[in-house]
Amino acid sequence: MWLGKGKIMKKTISKREQTRQMTILAMFIAIVAVLGLVPNGLGGTLGFIKIAPTIEATIIHIPVLIGAALLGRKFGIYLGLAFGVISNIAAFIYSSPLFIYPWVAILPRILFGLIIYDVTQFFIRVTKNKLIGTGISFFILTLIHSLMVLTMLFTSYSMVLGTGVWADDFVPYLTLLVFLNVPWASLIEMGMAAIIGGIIVVRLSMYLKTDKTVYTEDDFNEDSN
C-alpha cells in the first residue's frame, strides 16, 4: 500500500519539479529579453553599461550564466539560444551590423550555454567552495564567451563590407572594438559576472534546495514501519 503511494507521490513531485524548472527558465529568459531589447535612452539597451564614451560592458550574459548553473546543461542550451535570438532581433532594431548574422549572434551563445553547467561544477569540485568555484567559472566563461563571439565577428567581415551604409563605419568600428572596447569591457564583464553571478547562484541554490524534496519508495517504507 505504501509502495504504491510512494510511486504516486514521487511522480507528482517530479512533475512539480519540472514545472518549477520551466518557470525559473521562463523567468531568466524574460530577464534576458528585458536587458537585450528594452532601450536605455543612449542608443542601446538596458543590458549595456557605458563605462566611457567608447567603452560599453554588457550584463546580458549574467542571467544566462546563473540560470544554466542552477538548472543544468539542457536549460543552459535553451538560455543560450534565447540569448542569441534576442541579440539577433536587437541587431535589426538598433541597426547593429555585426550581429545580424545568426552564426555571430546565435551560434556562440548556444555553445556558451552548453558548457556553463559543466565548467561551473568542475570549479566547484576543484575549489570545494560553491561561491569561489562559481565566481572563478563565471570569470572564465565570460572570457570564453567574448572570444567565441569575437571569432565569429571576423567571419562576417567581408559581408558587412558589402552592406552599403554600414560598410563605411565597419573598419574603424572593428578596430575600436578589438583594441579598446574588448580588453577593457571584457575585464569589467568578467568581474561583474564573477561577483554578482557567484553571489546570486549561491543564494538562489540555497533557496531552491529548501523546496527540492523528492520522496522515494524507501522513505515511504520507513514511514510505514
N, C-alpha and C. Protein backbone atom coordinates (compact mmCIF):
# COMPACT_ATOMS: atom_id res chain seq x y z
N MET A 1 0.83 -1.21 0.00
CA MET A 1 0.00 0.00 0.00
C MET A 1 0.86 1.26 0.00
N TRP A 2 1.83 1.30 0.92
CA TRP A 2 2.72 2.45 0.97
C TRP A 2 3.59 2.57 -0.27
N LEU A 3 3.95 1.41 -0.85
CA LEU A 3 4.79 1.41 -2.03
C LEU A 3 4.09 2.11 -3.18
N GLY A 4 2.81 1.80 -3.35
CA GLY A 4 2.04 2.44 -4.42
C GLY A 4 1.93 3.93 -4.21
N LYS A 5 1.66 4.34 -2.97
CA LYS A 5 1.56 5.76 -2.68
C LYS A 5 2.90 6.46 -2.90
N GLY A 6 3.99 5.74 -2.59
CA GLY A 6 5.31 6.32 -2.79
C GLY A 6 5.58 6.62 -4.24
N LYS A 7 5.18 5.70 -5.13
CA LYS A 7 5.37 5.92 -6.56
C LYS A 7 4.55 7.10 -7.05
N ILE A 8 3.31 7.19 -6.58
CA ILE A 8 2.43 8.29 -6.99
C ILE A 8 3.00 9.62 -6.52
N MET A 9 3.44 9.66 -5.25
CA MET A 9 3.98 10.89 -4.70
C MET A 9 5.26 11.31 -5.42
N LYS A 10 6.12 10.33 -5.72
CA LYS A 10 7.36 10.63 -6.41
C LYS A 10 7.08 11.20 -7.79
N LYS A 11 6.11 10.61 -8.50
CA LYS A 11 5.77 11.07 -9.84
C LYS A 11 5.18 12.47 -9.79
N THR A 12 4.32 12.72 -8.80
CA THR A 12 3.69 14.03 -8.66
C THR A 12 4.73 15.10 -8.37
N ILE A 13 5.64 14.81 -7.45
CA ILE A 13 6.67 15.78 -7.09
C ILE A 13 7.62 16.00 -8.25
N SER A 14 7.89 14.95 -9.04
CA SER A 14 8.74 15.10 -10.20
C SER A 14 8.12 16.07 -11.20
N LYS A 15 6.81 15.95 -11.40
CA LYS A 15 6.12 16.88 -12.30
C LYS A 15 6.17 18.30 -11.74
N ARG A 16 6.02 18.41 -10.43
CA ARG A 16 6.09 19.72 -9.80
C ARG A 16 7.47 20.34 -9.98
N GLU A 17 8.49 19.51 -9.87
CA GLU A 17 9.86 19.99 -10.06
C GLU A 17 10.08 20.46 -11.49
N GLN A 18 9.55 19.70 -12.45
CA GLN A 18 9.67 20.10 -13.86
C GLN A 18 8.97 21.43 -14.11
N THR A 19 7.80 21.58 -13.52
CA THR A 19 7.05 22.83 -13.67
C THR A 19 7.83 24.00 -13.09
N ARG A 20 8.43 23.75 -11.93
CA ARG A 20 9.21 24.81 -11.29
C ARG A 20 10.43 25.18 -12.13
N GLN A 21 11.10 24.17 -12.69
CA GLN A 21 12.26 24.44 -13.54
C GLN A 21 11.88 25.26 -14.77
N MET A 22 10.75 24.92 -15.39
CA MET A 22 10.30 25.66 -16.56
C MET A 22 9.93 27.09 -16.18
N THR A 23 9.37 27.27 -15.00
CA THR A 23 9.03 28.62 -14.53
C THR A 23 10.28 29.45 -14.32
N ILE A 24 11.30 28.84 -13.70
CA ILE A 24 12.56 29.54 -13.48
C ILE A 24 13.23 29.86 -14.82
N LEU A 25 13.18 28.91 -15.76
CA LEU A 25 13.74 29.14 -17.09
C LEU A 25 13.06 30.33 -17.75
N ALA A 26 11.73 30.36 -17.70
CA ALA A 26 10.98 31.47 -18.31
C ALA A 26 11.35 32.80 -17.66
N MET A 27 11.58 32.77 -16.35
CA MET A 27 11.96 34.00 -15.64
C MET A 27 13.30 34.53 -16.14
N PHE A 28 14.28 33.62 -16.30
CA PHE A 28 15.59 34.05 -16.77
C PHE A 28 15.54 34.53 -18.23
N ILE A 29 14.75 33.85 -19.06
CA ILE A 29 14.61 34.29 -20.45
C ILE A 29 13.98 35.68 -20.50
N ALA A 30 13.00 35.92 -19.63
CA ALA A 30 12.36 37.24 -19.57
C ALA A 30 13.37 38.32 -19.18
N ILE A 31 14.24 37.99 -18.23
CA ILE A 31 15.27 38.95 -17.81
C ILE A 31 16.21 39.26 -18.97
N VAL A 32 16.63 38.20 -19.70
CA VAL A 32 17.50 38.39 -20.86
C VAL A 32 16.81 39.26 -21.91
N ALA A 33 15.51 39.02 -22.13
CA ALA A 33 14.75 39.79 -23.12
C ALA A 33 14.68 41.27 -22.73
N VAL A 34 14.43 41.54 -21.46
CA VAL A 34 14.36 42.93 -20.99
C VAL A 34 15.72 43.61 -21.16
N LEU A 35 16.78 42.94 -20.75
CA LEU A 35 18.12 43.52 -20.86
C LEU A 35 18.54 43.69 -22.31
N GLY A 36 18.10 42.77 -23.17
CA GLY A 36 18.54 42.78 -24.56
C GLY A 36 17.71 43.61 -25.51
N LEU A 37 16.47 43.95 -25.13
CA LEU A 37 15.57 44.63 -26.06
C LEU A 37 15.07 45.99 -25.59
N VAL A 38 14.96 46.21 -24.30
CA VAL A 38 14.42 47.48 -23.80
C VAL A 38 15.48 48.58 -23.92
N PRO A 39 15.17 49.68 -24.58
CA PRO A 39 16.16 50.75 -24.78
C PRO A 39 16.56 51.44 -23.49
N ASN A 40 17.81 51.89 -23.45
CA ASN A 40 18.31 52.58 -22.26
C ASN A 40 18.37 54.09 -22.44
N GLY A 41 17.92 54.57 -23.60
CA GLY A 41 17.93 56.01 -23.87
C GLY A 41 19.25 56.53 -24.39
N LEU A 42 20.23 55.64 -24.53
CA LEU A 42 21.56 56.06 -25.00
C LEU A 42 21.91 55.41 -26.34
N GLY A 43 20.90 54.90 -27.01
CA GLY A 43 21.14 54.25 -28.29
C GLY A 43 21.34 52.76 -28.20
N GLY A 44 21.30 52.23 -26.98
CA GLY A 44 21.46 50.79 -26.77
C GLY A 44 20.33 50.25 -25.92
N THR A 45 20.60 49.16 -25.24
CA THR A 45 19.59 48.53 -24.39
C THR A 45 20.02 48.54 -22.93
N LEU A 46 19.11 48.12 -22.05
CA LEU A 46 19.40 48.12 -20.62
C LEU A 46 20.56 47.20 -20.25
N GLY A 47 20.85 46.24 -21.11
CA GLY A 47 21.91 45.28 -20.82
C GLY A 47 23.30 45.79 -21.08
N PHE A 48 23.43 47.03 -21.54
CA PHE A 48 24.75 47.60 -21.81
C PHE A 48 25.00 48.79 -20.89
N ILE A 49 26.15 48.78 -20.24
CA ILE A 49 26.53 49.85 -19.33
C ILE A 49 27.69 50.63 -19.94
N LYS A 50 27.48 51.91 -20.17
CA LYS A 50 28.53 52.75 -20.77
C LYS A 50 29.55 53.12 -19.71
N ILE A 51 30.76 52.61 -19.88
CA ILE A 51 31.85 52.88 -18.94
C ILE A 51 32.58 54.16 -19.32
N ALA A 52 32.75 54.36 -20.61
CA ALA A 52 33.42 55.54 -21.17
C ALA A 52 32.77 55.82 -22.52
N PRO A 53 33.08 56.96 -23.14
CA PRO A 53 32.45 57.27 -24.43
C PRO A 53 32.58 56.17 -25.48
N THR A 54 33.66 55.42 -25.44
CA THR A 54 33.87 54.38 -26.44
C THR A 54 33.88 52.97 -25.85
N ILE A 55 33.53 52.84 -24.58
CA ILE A 55 33.58 51.52 -23.94
C ILE A 55 32.24 51.19 -23.31
N GLU A 56 31.67 50.06 -23.72
CA GLU A 56 30.42 49.57 -23.15
C GLU A 56 30.61 48.14 -22.66
N ALA A 57 30.11 47.86 -21.49
CA ALA A 57 30.15 46.50 -20.94
C ALA A 57 28.73 45.95 -20.88
N THR A 58 28.58 44.68 -21.17
CA THR A 58 27.26 44.06 -21.15
C THR A 58 27.06 43.19 -19.91
N ILE A 59 25.83 43.14 -19.45
CA ILE A 59 25.49 42.25 -18.34
C ILE A 59 24.45 41.22 -18.76
N ILE A 60 24.14 41.18 -20.07
CA ILE A 60 23.09 40.29 -20.56
C ILE A 60 23.45 38.83 -20.34
N HIS A 61 24.75 38.53 -20.37
CA HIS A 61 25.17 37.13 -20.22
C HIS A 61 25.05 36.62 -18.79
N ILE A 62 24.93 37.53 -17.82
CA ILE A 62 24.90 37.10 -16.41
C ILE A 62 23.67 36.26 -16.07
N PRO A 63 22.45 36.64 -16.48
CA PRO A 63 21.30 35.76 -16.23
C PRO A 63 21.44 34.39 -16.89
N VAL A 64 22.11 34.36 -18.04
CA VAL A 64 22.34 33.08 -18.72
C VAL A 64 23.26 32.20 -17.88
N LEU A 65 24.33 32.79 -17.37
CA LEU A 65 25.26 32.07 -16.50
C LEU A 65 24.55 31.53 -15.26
N ILE A 66 23.79 32.38 -14.61
CA ILE A 66 23.11 31.99 -13.37
C ILE A 66 22.09 30.89 -13.63
N GLY A 67 21.26 31.08 -14.65
CA GLY A 67 20.22 30.09 -14.96
C GLY A 67 20.79 28.74 -15.33
N ALA A 68 21.82 28.74 -16.17
CA ALA A 68 22.42 27.47 -16.60
C ALA A 68 23.13 26.77 -15.44
N ALA A 69 23.78 27.54 -14.57
CA ALA A 69 24.47 26.94 -13.42
C ALA A 69 23.48 26.30 -12.46
N LEU A 70 22.30 26.88 -12.34
CA LEU A 70 21.29 26.36 -11.42
C LEU A 70 20.47 25.22 -12.02
N LEU A 71 20.15 25.32 -13.30
CA LEU A 71 19.18 24.40 -13.91
C LEU A 71 19.82 23.23 -14.67
N GLY A 72 21.07 23.39 -15.12
CA GLY A 72 21.71 22.28 -15.81
C GLY A 72 21.97 22.54 -17.28
N ARG A 73 22.60 21.56 -17.92
CA ARG A 73 23.08 21.70 -19.29
C ARG A 73 21.96 21.95 -20.29
N LYS A 74 20.88 21.16 -20.21
CA LYS A 74 19.79 21.30 -21.18
C LYS A 74 19.18 22.69 -21.13
N PHE A 75 18.94 23.19 -19.93
CA PHE A 75 18.37 24.52 -19.79
C PHE A 75 19.38 25.60 -20.16
N GLY A 76 20.66 25.28 -20.00
CA GLY A 76 21.70 26.20 -20.44
C GLY A 76 21.66 26.42 -21.94
N ILE A 77 21.39 25.34 -22.68
CA ILE A 77 21.26 25.46 -24.14
C ILE A 77 20.07 26.34 -24.49
N TYR A 78 18.95 26.14 -23.80
CA TYR A 78 17.76 26.97 -24.04
C TYR A 78 18.06 28.45 -23.77
N LEU A 79 18.74 28.71 -22.67
CA LEU A 79 19.07 30.08 -22.31
C LEU A 79 20.05 30.70 -23.32
N GLY A 80 21.03 29.90 -23.75
CA GLY A 80 21.97 30.39 -24.75
C GLY A 80 21.27 30.69 -26.07
N LEU A 81 20.34 29.82 -26.45
CA LEU A 81 19.56 30.05 -27.68
C LEU A 81 18.74 31.33 -27.56
N ALA A 82 18.07 31.50 -26.42
CA ALA A 82 17.27 32.71 -26.20
C ALA A 82 18.15 33.96 -26.25
N PHE A 83 19.31 33.89 -25.63
CA PHE A 83 20.27 34.99 -25.63
C PHE A 83 20.65 35.35 -27.06
N GLY A 84 20.95 34.34 -27.87
CA GLY A 84 21.35 34.57 -29.24
C GLY A 84 20.24 35.15 -30.10
N VAL A 85 19.05 34.58 -29.98
CA VAL A 85 17.91 35.05 -30.78
C VAL A 85 17.56 36.49 -30.41
N ILE A 86 17.55 36.79 -29.12
CA ILE A 86 17.25 38.15 -28.67
C ILE A 86 18.31 39.13 -29.17
N SER A 87 19.57 38.71 -29.14
CA SER A 87 20.66 39.54 -29.65
C SER A 87 20.50 39.78 -31.15
N ASN A 88 20.07 38.75 -31.86
CA ASN A 88 19.85 38.86 -33.30
C ASN A 88 18.71 39.83 -33.62
N ILE A 89 17.63 39.73 -32.87
CA ILE A 89 16.49 40.64 -33.05
C ILE A 89 16.90 42.08 -32.74
N ALA A 90 17.65 42.25 -31.66
CA ALA A 90 18.09 43.59 -31.26
C ALA A 90 19.00 44.22 -32.32
N ALA A 91 19.76 43.38 -33.04
CA ALA A 91 20.65 43.89 -34.08
C ALA A 91 19.87 44.60 -35.18
N PHE A 92 18.70 44.09 -35.51
CA PHE A 92 17.86 44.73 -36.53
C PHE A 92 17.15 45.96 -35.97
N ILE A 93 16.72 45.88 -34.72
CA ILE A 93 16.01 47.02 -34.11
C ILE A 93 16.94 48.21 -33.93
N TYR A 94 18.18 47.95 -33.48
CA TYR A 94 19.10 49.03 -33.16
C TYR A 94 20.20 49.19 -34.21
N SER A 95 20.00 48.58 -35.39
CA SER A 95 20.92 48.73 -36.53
C SER A 95 22.36 48.41 -36.17
N SER A 96 22.57 47.23 -35.63
CA SER A 96 23.92 46.77 -35.30
C SER A 96 24.37 45.78 -36.37
N PRO A 97 25.30 46.18 -37.24
CA PRO A 97 25.67 45.34 -38.38
C PRO A 97 26.35 44.03 -38.02
N LEU A 98 26.96 43.97 -36.86
CA LEU A 98 27.77 42.81 -36.52
C LEU A 98 26.97 41.60 -36.08
N PHE A 99 25.76 41.81 -35.61
CA PHE A 99 25.00 40.70 -35.04
C PHE A 99 23.74 40.33 -35.83
N ILE A 100 23.68 40.78 -37.08
CA ILE A 100 22.52 40.42 -37.90
C ILE A 100 22.64 39.01 -38.45
N TYR A 101 23.85 38.45 -38.39
CA TYR A 101 24.08 37.11 -38.90
C TYR A 101 23.91 36.08 -37.78
N PRO A 102 23.11 35.04 -37.99
CA PRO A 102 22.83 34.06 -36.93
C PRO A 102 24.08 33.37 -36.39
N TRP A 103 25.07 33.13 -37.25
CA TRP A 103 26.26 32.44 -36.75
C TRP A 103 27.12 33.35 -35.86
N VAL A 104 26.87 34.64 -35.89
CA VAL A 104 27.56 35.56 -34.99
C VAL A 104 26.76 35.75 -33.70
N ALA A 105 25.45 35.96 -33.85
CA ALA A 105 24.61 36.27 -32.69
C ALA A 105 24.14 35.04 -31.93
N ILE A 106 23.87 33.94 -32.65
CA ILE A 106 23.21 32.79 -32.02
C ILE A 106 24.15 31.63 -31.73
N LEU A 107 24.94 31.22 -32.71
CA LEU A 107 25.78 30.02 -32.55
C LEU A 107 26.71 30.08 -31.34
N PRO A 108 27.50 31.16 -31.15
CA PRO A 108 28.38 31.19 -29.97
C PRO A 108 27.62 31.14 -28.65
N ARG A 109 26.40 31.70 -28.64
CA ARG A 109 25.62 31.74 -27.41
C ARG A 109 25.07 30.36 -27.06
N ILE A 110 24.74 29.56 -28.08
CA ILE A 110 24.29 28.19 -27.82
C ILE A 110 25.44 27.38 -27.22
N LEU A 111 26.63 27.50 -27.82
CA LEU A 111 27.80 26.80 -27.29
C LEU A 111 28.14 27.29 -25.89
N PHE A 112 28.00 28.57 -25.68
CA PHE A 112 28.21 29.18 -24.36
C PHE A 112 27.28 28.56 -23.32
N GLY A 113 26.00 28.48 -23.65
CA GLY A 113 25.02 27.89 -22.74
C GLY A 113 25.28 26.42 -22.47
N LEU A 114 25.81 25.72 -23.48
CA LEU A 114 26.07 24.29 -23.36
C LEU A 114 27.14 23.97 -22.31
N ILE A 115 28.17 24.81 -22.21
CA ILE A 115 29.32 24.47 -21.36
C ILE A 115 29.23 25.05 -19.94
N ILE A 116 28.26 25.93 -19.70
CA ILE A 116 28.23 26.65 -18.41
C ILE A 116 28.13 25.70 -17.22
N TYR A 117 27.18 24.79 -17.24
CA TYR A 117 26.93 23.93 -16.08
C TYR A 117 28.15 23.06 -15.77
N ASP A 118 28.73 22.44 -16.78
CA ASP A 118 29.87 21.53 -16.56
C ASP A 118 31.10 22.28 -16.06
N VAL A 119 31.37 23.44 -16.64
CA VAL A 119 32.52 24.23 -16.20
C VAL A 119 32.33 24.69 -14.75
N THR A 120 31.12 25.13 -14.43
CA THR A 120 30.83 25.58 -13.06
C THR A 120 30.99 24.44 -12.06
N GLN A 121 30.43 23.28 -12.38
CA GLN A 121 30.54 22.13 -11.48
C GLN A 121 31.99 21.70 -11.30
N PHE A 122 32.79 21.79 -12.36
CA PHE A 122 34.20 21.42 -12.29
C PHE A 122 34.94 22.30 -11.28
N PHE A 123 34.76 23.60 -11.38
CA PHE A 123 35.48 24.51 -10.48
C PHE A 123 34.94 24.45 -9.05
N ILE A 124 33.67 24.14 -8.89
CA ILE A 124 33.13 23.95 -7.54
C ILE A 124 33.78 22.73 -6.88
N ARG A 125 33.95 21.66 -7.66
CA ARG A 125 34.61 20.45 -7.12
C ARG A 125 36.07 20.71 -6.81
N VAL A 126 36.75 21.45 -7.70
CA VAL A 126 38.18 21.72 -7.51
C VAL A 126 38.42 22.60 -6.29
N THR A 127 37.63 23.66 -6.15
CA THR A 127 37.83 24.60 -5.04
C THR A 127 37.16 24.15 -3.74
N LYS A 128 36.20 23.20 -3.88
CA LYS A 128 35.42 22.73 -2.72
C LYS A 128 34.69 23.89 -2.02
N ASN A 129 34.37 24.90 -2.80
CA ASN A 129 33.65 26.07 -2.28
C ASN A 129 32.74 26.60 -3.39
N LYS A 130 31.44 26.61 -3.13
CA LYS A 130 30.49 26.98 -4.19
C LYS A 130 30.67 28.42 -4.65
N LEU A 131 30.86 29.34 -3.71
CA LEU A 131 30.99 30.75 -4.08
C LEU A 131 32.25 31.00 -4.89
N ILE A 132 33.37 30.49 -4.41
CA ILE A 132 34.64 30.70 -5.11
C ILE A 132 34.64 29.97 -6.44
N GLY A 133 34.18 28.72 -6.44
CA GLY A 133 34.15 27.94 -7.68
C GLY A 133 33.26 28.57 -8.73
N THR A 134 32.09 29.04 -8.31
CA THR A 134 31.17 29.68 -9.25
C THR A 134 31.76 30.99 -9.77
N GLY A 135 32.37 31.77 -8.88
CA GLY A 135 32.98 33.04 -9.30
C GLY A 135 34.08 32.83 -10.32
N ILE A 136 34.96 31.86 -10.06
CA ILE A 136 36.06 31.57 -11.00
C ILE A 136 35.51 31.09 -12.34
N SER A 137 34.54 30.20 -12.29
CA SER A 137 33.98 29.66 -13.54
C SER A 137 33.29 30.75 -14.34
N PHE A 138 32.54 31.64 -13.68
CA PHE A 138 31.86 32.72 -14.40
C PHE A 138 32.86 33.70 -15.00
N PHE A 139 33.96 33.93 -14.31
CA PHE A 139 35.02 34.80 -14.82
C PHE A 139 35.59 34.22 -16.12
N ILE A 140 35.92 32.93 -16.07
CA ILE A 140 36.50 32.26 -17.25
C ILE A 140 35.47 32.11 -18.36
N LEU A 141 34.24 31.76 -18.02
CA LEU A 141 33.19 31.58 -19.02
C LEU A 141 32.88 32.88 -19.75
N THR A 142 32.93 33.99 -19.05
CA THR A 142 32.70 35.29 -19.70
C THR A 142 33.79 35.57 -20.72
N LEU A 143 35.03 35.24 -20.38
CA LEU A 143 36.13 35.40 -21.32
C LEU A 143 35.94 34.50 -22.54
N ILE A 144 35.55 33.25 -22.30
CA ILE A 144 35.31 32.31 -23.40
C ILE A 144 34.21 32.83 -24.31
N HIS A 145 33.14 33.36 -23.71
CA HIS A 145 32.03 33.92 -24.49
C HIS A 145 32.52 35.07 -25.38
N SER A 146 33.32 35.97 -24.82
CA SER A 146 33.84 37.10 -25.59
C SER A 146 34.71 36.63 -26.75
N LEU A 147 35.55 35.64 -26.49
CA LEU A 147 36.44 35.13 -27.54
C LEU A 147 35.66 34.42 -28.64
N MET A 148 34.63 33.66 -28.27
CA MET A 148 33.82 32.97 -29.27
C MET A 148 33.08 33.96 -30.16
N VAL A 149 32.48 34.97 -29.54
CA VAL A 149 31.75 35.98 -30.32
C VAL A 149 32.70 36.77 -31.20
N LEU A 150 33.85 37.16 -30.67
CA LEU A 150 34.82 37.92 -31.44
C LEU A 150 35.32 37.11 -32.63
N THR A 151 35.55 35.82 -32.42
CA THR A 151 35.98 34.95 -33.52
C THR A 151 34.95 34.92 -34.63
N MET A 152 33.68 34.80 -34.27
CA MET A 152 32.61 34.76 -35.27
C MET A 152 32.42 36.12 -35.94
N LEU A 153 32.75 37.21 -35.25
CA LEU A 153 32.64 38.54 -35.85
C LEU A 153 33.54 38.66 -37.07
N PHE A 154 34.72 38.09 -36.99
CA PHE A 154 35.65 38.20 -38.10
C PHE A 154 35.17 37.42 -39.33
N THR A 155 34.31 36.42 -39.12
CA THR A 155 33.78 35.67 -40.26
C THR A 155 32.79 36.50 -41.07
N SER A 156 32.23 37.55 -40.46
CA SER A 156 31.26 38.39 -41.16
C SER A 156 31.91 39.65 -41.73
N TYR A 157 33.21 39.74 -41.64
CA TYR A 157 33.94 40.95 -42.07
C TYR A 157 33.60 41.33 -43.50
N SER A 158 33.81 40.42 -44.44
CA SER A 158 33.60 40.74 -45.85
C SER A 158 32.13 41.01 -46.16
N MET A 159 31.22 40.34 -45.45
CA MET A 159 29.79 40.54 -45.70
C MET A 159 29.34 41.93 -45.27
N VAL A 160 29.84 42.37 -44.13
CA VAL A 160 29.46 43.70 -43.65
C VAL A 160 30.02 44.77 -44.57
N LEU A 161 31.19 44.52 -45.14
CA LEU A 161 31.78 45.49 -46.06
C LEU A 161 30.93 45.69 -47.31
N GLY A 162 30.06 44.74 -47.60
CA GLY A 162 29.23 44.85 -48.79
C GLY A 162 27.80 45.25 -48.50
N THR A 163 27.52 45.77 -47.32
CA THR A 163 26.14 46.09 -46.97
C THR A 163 25.84 47.58 -46.99
N GLY A 164 26.58 48.35 -47.78
CA GLY A 164 26.23 49.75 -48.00
C GLY A 164 26.60 50.67 -46.87
N VAL A 165 25.58 51.26 -46.24
CA VAL A 165 25.80 52.32 -45.27
C VAL A 165 26.64 51.86 -44.08
N TRP A 166 26.51 50.58 -43.69
CA TRP A 166 27.28 50.08 -42.56
C TRP A 166 28.77 49.93 -42.88
N ALA A 167 29.06 49.74 -44.18
CA ALA A 167 30.42 49.42 -44.58
C ALA A 167 31.40 50.54 -44.26
N ASP A 168 30.97 51.79 -44.40
CA ASP A 168 31.86 52.93 -44.17
C ASP A 168 32.36 52.99 -42.73
N ASP A 169 31.53 52.54 -41.82
CA ASP A 169 31.89 52.62 -40.40
C ASP A 169 32.45 51.32 -39.84
N PHE A 170 32.46 50.27 -40.65
CA PHE A 170 32.78 48.96 -40.08
C PHE A 170 34.24 48.81 -39.68
N VAL A 171 35.17 49.21 -40.55
CA VAL A 171 36.59 49.02 -40.26
C VAL A 171 37.02 49.81 -39.02
N PRO A 172 36.71 51.11 -38.93
CA PRO A 172 37.08 51.81 -37.68
C PRO A 172 36.36 51.26 -36.46
N TYR A 173 35.12 50.80 -36.66
CA TYR A 173 34.36 50.25 -35.54
C TYR A 173 35.01 48.96 -35.05
N LEU A 174 35.39 48.09 -35.99
CA LEU A 174 36.01 46.82 -35.62
C LEU A 174 37.36 47.06 -34.95
N THR A 175 38.12 48.03 -35.47
CA THR A 175 39.41 48.36 -34.87
C THR A 175 39.23 48.84 -33.43
N LEU A 176 38.25 49.72 -33.23
CA LEU A 176 37.95 50.22 -31.89
C LEU A 176 37.49 49.09 -30.98
N LEU A 177 36.69 48.19 -31.54
CA LEU A 177 36.15 47.07 -30.76
C LEU A 177 37.26 46.16 -30.27
N VAL A 178 38.18 45.81 -31.16
CA VAL A 178 39.21 44.82 -30.84
C VAL A 178 40.28 45.39 -29.91
N PHE A 179 40.71 46.61 -30.17
CA PHE A 179 41.87 47.14 -29.44
C PHE A 179 41.52 47.98 -28.22
N LEU A 180 40.28 48.43 -28.11
CA LEU A 180 39.93 49.25 -26.96
C LEU A 180 38.76 48.69 -26.18
N ASN A 181 37.64 48.47 -26.86
CA ASN A 181 36.43 48.07 -26.15
C ASN A 181 36.54 46.67 -25.56
N VAL A 182 37.02 45.71 -26.36
CA VAL A 182 37.05 44.31 -25.91
C VAL A 182 37.93 44.10 -24.68
N PRO A 183 39.20 44.57 -24.67
CA PRO A 183 40.02 44.29 -23.48
C PRO A 183 39.45 44.88 -22.20
N TRP A 184 39.07 46.17 -22.24
CA TRP A 184 38.58 46.81 -21.02
C TRP A 184 37.18 46.34 -20.65
N ALA A 185 36.30 46.31 -21.64
CA ALA A 185 34.92 45.89 -21.37
C ALA A 185 34.88 44.44 -20.89
N SER A 186 35.71 43.59 -21.50
CA SER A 186 35.72 42.18 -21.11
C SER A 186 36.16 41.99 -19.66
N LEU A 187 37.16 42.75 -19.25
CA LEU A 187 37.61 42.67 -17.85
C LEU A 187 36.49 43.07 -16.89
N ILE A 188 35.78 44.13 -17.25
CA ILE A 188 34.67 44.59 -16.41
C ILE A 188 33.55 43.55 -16.39
N GLU A 189 33.25 43.00 -17.57
CA GLU A 189 32.20 41.98 -17.67
C GLU A 189 32.56 40.73 -16.87
N MET A 190 33.82 40.33 -16.94
CA MET A 190 34.25 39.14 -16.20
C MET A 190 34.16 39.37 -14.70
N GLY A 191 34.57 40.57 -14.27
CA GLY A 191 34.50 40.88 -12.85
C GLY A 191 33.07 40.91 -12.34
N MET A 192 32.17 41.55 -13.10
CA MET A 192 30.76 41.62 -12.68
C MET A 192 30.12 40.24 -12.66
N ALA A 193 30.43 39.43 -13.67
CA ALA A 193 29.86 38.08 -13.72
C ALA A 193 30.33 37.25 -12.53
N ALA A 194 31.62 37.35 -12.20
CA ALA A 194 32.17 36.57 -11.09
C ALA A 194 31.57 36.97 -9.76
N ILE A 195 31.46 38.28 -9.52
CA ILE A 195 30.98 38.75 -8.21
C ILE A 195 29.46 38.64 -8.10
N ILE A 196 28.77 39.28 -9.05
CA ILE A 196 27.30 39.28 -8.99
C ILE A 196 26.74 37.88 -9.20
N GLY A 197 27.22 37.22 -10.25
CA GLY A 197 26.71 35.88 -10.57
C GLY A 197 27.00 34.87 -9.48
N GLY A 198 28.23 34.92 -8.93
CA GLY A 198 28.59 33.97 -7.88
C GLY A 198 27.71 34.09 -6.65
N ILE A 199 27.49 35.32 -6.21
CA ILE A 199 26.66 35.55 -5.02
C ILE A 199 25.22 35.10 -5.25
N ILE A 200 24.67 35.46 -6.42
CA ILE A 200 23.27 35.12 -6.71
C ILE A 200 23.08 33.61 -6.81
N VAL A 201 24.02 32.93 -7.45
CA VAL A 201 23.91 31.47 -7.59
C VAL A 201 23.89 30.80 -6.22
N VAL A 202 24.79 31.21 -5.34
CA VAL A 202 24.84 30.61 -4.00
C VAL A 202 23.55 30.86 -3.24
N ARG A 203 23.05 32.08 -3.29
CA ARG A 203 21.83 32.41 -2.56
C ARG A 203 20.62 31.68 -3.14
N LEU A 204 20.50 31.67 -4.46
CA LEU A 204 19.36 31.02 -5.10
C LEU A 204 19.40 29.51 -4.91
N SER A 205 20.60 28.92 -4.98
CA SER A 205 20.71 27.47 -4.80
C SER A 205 20.29 27.07 -3.40
N MET A 206 20.58 27.90 -2.41
CA MET A 206 20.16 27.62 -1.04
C MET A 206 18.64 27.71 -0.92
N TYR A 207 18.06 28.68 -1.60
CA TYR A 207 16.61 28.85 -1.55
C TYR A 207 15.91 27.71 -2.28
N LEU A 208 16.40 27.37 -3.46
CA LEU A 208 15.76 26.32 -4.26
C LEU A 208 15.88 24.96 -3.60
N LYS A 209 16.98 24.73 -2.90
CA LYS A 209 17.20 23.44 -2.26
C LYS A 209 16.18 23.17 -1.15
N THR A 210 15.67 24.21 -0.51
CA THR A 210 14.73 24.03 0.59
C THR A 210 13.42 23.41 0.12
N ASP A 211 13.12 23.54 -1.17
CA ASP A 211 11.85 23.01 -1.68
C ASP A 211 12.08 21.82 -2.60
N LYS A 212 13.32 21.37 -2.68
CA LYS A 212 13.66 20.32 -3.63
C LYS A 212 13.69 18.98 -2.90
N THR A 213 12.55 18.52 -2.43
CA THR A 213 12.43 17.27 -1.70
C THR A 213 11.81 16.22 -2.60
N VAL A 214 12.50 15.13 -2.81
CA VAL A 214 11.98 14.04 -3.63
C VAL A 214 11.80 12.81 -2.76
N TYR A 215 10.60 12.35 -2.63
CA TYR A 215 10.30 11.19 -1.80
C TYR A 215 10.52 9.91 -2.61
N THR A 216 11.19 8.96 -2.01
CA THR A 216 11.44 7.69 -2.66
C THR A 216 10.60 6.60 -2.01
N GLU A 217 10.62 5.43 -2.63
CA GLU A 217 9.87 4.30 -2.08
C GLU A 217 10.40 3.91 -0.71
N ASP A 218 11.72 4.02 -0.51
CA ASP A 218 12.32 3.67 0.78
C ASP A 218 11.81 4.60 1.88
N ASP A 219 11.62 5.87 1.55
CA ASP A 219 11.12 6.82 2.54
C ASP A 219 9.74 6.40 3.03
N PHE A 220 8.89 5.97 2.11
CA PHE A 220 7.54 5.60 2.48
C PHE A 220 7.53 4.26 3.23
N ASN A 221 8.45 3.37 2.87
CA ASN A 221 8.55 2.10 3.58
C ASN A 221 8.97 2.32 5.02
N GLU A 222 9.92 3.29 5.22
CA GLU A 222 10.37 3.59 6.57
C GLU A 222 9.24 4.20 7.39
N ASP A 223 8.44 5.07 6.74
CA ASP A 223 7.32 5.69 7.44
C ASP A 223 6.27 4.67 7.84
N SER A 224 6.07 3.66 7.00
CA SER A 224 5.05 2.66 7.27
C SER A 224 5.44 1.77 8.43
N ASN A 225 6.79 1.66 8.65
CA ASN A 225 7.25 0.85 9.77
C ASN A 225 7.14 1.63 11.08
